[in-house]
Structures are given as C-alpha cells and as structure tokens.
C-alpha atoms as a PDB file:
ATOM      1  CA  MET A   1       1.776  11.610   6.754  1.00  0.00           C
ATOM      2  CA  ARG A   2       3.867  11.726   3.643  1.00  0.00           C
ATOM      3  CA  ILE A   3       5.857  14.139   1.540  1.00  0.00           C
ATOM      4  CA  VAL A   4       4.598  14.542  -2.013  1.00  0.00           C
ATOM      5  CA  LEU A   5       7.056  15.857  -4.601  1.00  0.00           C
ATOM      6  CA  ASP A   6       5.875  17.377  -7.872  1.00  0.00           C
ATOM      7  CA  ARG A   7       9.088  16.477  -9.695  1.00  0.00           C
ATOM      8  CA  PRO A   8       8.436  18.455 -12.915  1.00  0.00           C
ATOM      9  CA  ARG A   9       7.825  21.585 -10.856  1.00  0.00           C
ATOM     10  CA  CYS A  10      11.033  21.262  -8.789  1.00  0.00           C
ATOM     11  CA  GLU A  11      13.779  23.628  -9.973  1.00  0.00           C
ATOM     12  CA  GLY A  12      16.474  22.451  -7.564  1.00  0.00           C
ATOM     13  CA  HIS A  13      16.794  25.601  -5.446  1.00  0.00           C
ATOM     14  CA  GLY A  14      17.775  23.525  -2.403  1.00  0.00           C
ATOM     15  CA  LEU A  15      15.919  25.515   0.236  1.00  0.00           C
ATOM     16  CA  CYS A  16      13.990  22.395   1.216  1.00  0.00           C
ATOM     17  CA  GLU A  17      17.245  20.507   1.728  1.00  0.00           C
ATOM     18  CA  GLU A  18      18.430  23.230   4.090  1.00  0.00           C
ATOM     19  CA  ALA A  19      15.166  23.022   6.042  1.00  0.00           C
ATOM     20  CA  ALA A  20      15.053  19.218   6.240  1.00  0.00           C
ATOM     21  CA  PRO A  21      18.395  17.578   5.376  1.00  0.00           C
ATOM     22  CA  GLN A  22      17.361  14.429   7.229  1.00  0.00           C
ATOM     23  CA  LEU A  23      14.462  13.976   4.781  1.00  0.00           C
ATOM     24  CA  MET A  24      15.836  15.062   1.396  1.00  0.00           C
ATOM     25  CA  HIS A  25      18.873  16.155  -0.591  1.00  0.00           C
ATOM     26  CA  LEU A  26      19.827  17.377  -4.030  1.00  0.00           C
ATOM     27  CA  ASP A  27      21.882  14.877  -6.017  1.00  0.00           C
ATOM     28  CA  ASP A  28      24.841  15.734  -8.246  1.00  0.00           C
ATOM     29  CA  GLU A  29      22.492  16.669 -11.108  1.00  0.00           C
ATOM     30  CA  GLY A  30      20.422  18.993  -8.912  1.00  0.00           C
ATOM     31  CA  GLU A  31      17.471  16.596  -8.672  1.00  0.00           C
ATOM     32  CA  LEU A  32      15.680  16.363  -5.350  1.00  0.00           C
ATOM     33  CA  VAL A  33      15.869  12.934  -3.728  1.00  0.00           C
ATOM     34  CA  LEU A  34      13.533  12.084  -0.862  1.00  0.00           C
ATOM     35  CA  HIS A  35      15.123   9.805   1.724  1.00  0.00           C
ATOM     36  CA  ARG A  36      11.631   8.540   2.449  1.00  0.00           C
ATOM     37  CA  GLU A  37       8.119   9.633   1.566  1.00  0.00           C
ATOM     38  CA  GLU A  38       6.400   8.407   4.720  1.00  0.00           C
ATOM     39  CA  ILE A  39       7.163  10.603   7.725  1.00  0.00           C
ATOM     40  CA  ASP A  40       6.294  10.308  11.382  1.00  0.00           C
ATOM     41  CA  ALA A  41       5.430  12.981  13.923  1.00  0.00           C
ATOM     42  CA  SER A  42       9.072  13.611  14.794  1.00  0.00           C
ATOM     43  CA  ASP A  43       9.778  14.768  11.210  1.00  0.00           C
ATOM     44  CA  ALA A  44       6.503  16.607  10.620  1.00  0.00           C
ATOM     45  CA  ALA A  45       7.829  20.062  11.543  1.00  0.00           C
ATOM     46  CA  ALA A  46      10.882  19.724   9.288  1.00  0.00           C
ATOM     47  CA  ALA A  47       8.780  18.418   6.399  1.00  0.00           C
ATOM     48  CA  SER A  48       6.317  21.295   6.772  1.00  0.00           C
ATOM     49  CA  ALA A  49       9.183  23.792   6.836  1.00  0.00           C
ATOM     50  CA  ALA A  50      10.655  22.276   3.672  1.00  0.00           C
ATOM     51  CA  ALA A  51       7.323  22.531   1.868  1.00  0.00           C
ATOM     52  CA  ARG A  52       6.800  26.088   3.106  1.00  0.00           C
ATOM     53  CA  VAL A  53      10.173  27.405   1.844  1.00  0.00           C
ATOM     54  CA  CYS A  54       9.919  25.890  -1.642  1.00  0.00           C
ATOM     55  CA  PRO A  55       9.683  28.893  -3.999  1.00  0.00           C
ATOM     56  CA  VAL A  56       7.833  26.873  -6.670  1.00  0.00           C
ATOM     57  CA  ALA A  57       5.549  24.854  -4.345  1.00  0.00           C
ATOM     58  CA  ALA A  58       6.949  21.519  -5.521  1.00  0.00           C
ATOM     59  CA  LEU A  59       6.442  19.894  -2.113  1.00  0.00           C
ATOM     60  CA  ARG A  60       3.322  19.281  -0.082  1.00  0.00           C
ATOM     61  CA  ILE A  61       2.466  17.269   2.995  1.00  0.00           C
ATOM     62  CA  ALA A  62      -0.430  14.843   2.689  1.00  0.00           C
END
C-alpha cells in the first residue's frame, strides 16, 4: 500500500499530521512532507485515519 498526496489540493490544515505523525508532518512553510509513501500493514490504520480526516481530500491510500 502507499499514501498518495495531491499536493496542489493540500491546504496545510495539519489534521493528517495529528492522525499519523509517524508518517507525515508539516514543514516550516506549511507544506505536507511524507516520511515515506510505501506503508506496511502496521501503518495502514494510521494512514487511513490521516486520509479520512483531510478536509480537502488531498490524501488517499492506494
């Protein structure tokens, strides 16, 4: 599985970072940075939660 970020859509709300800080963070400019795109089963729940809470649907799990 992998996390797919639609960068132009991301508005930097940070809800995804709160849901999955081990997978992503907002940098000093408010841009989302993925620690890694490929995720394993142990991170699947956190990645799904991050995608679910994004108010602009900038994240999806593929």
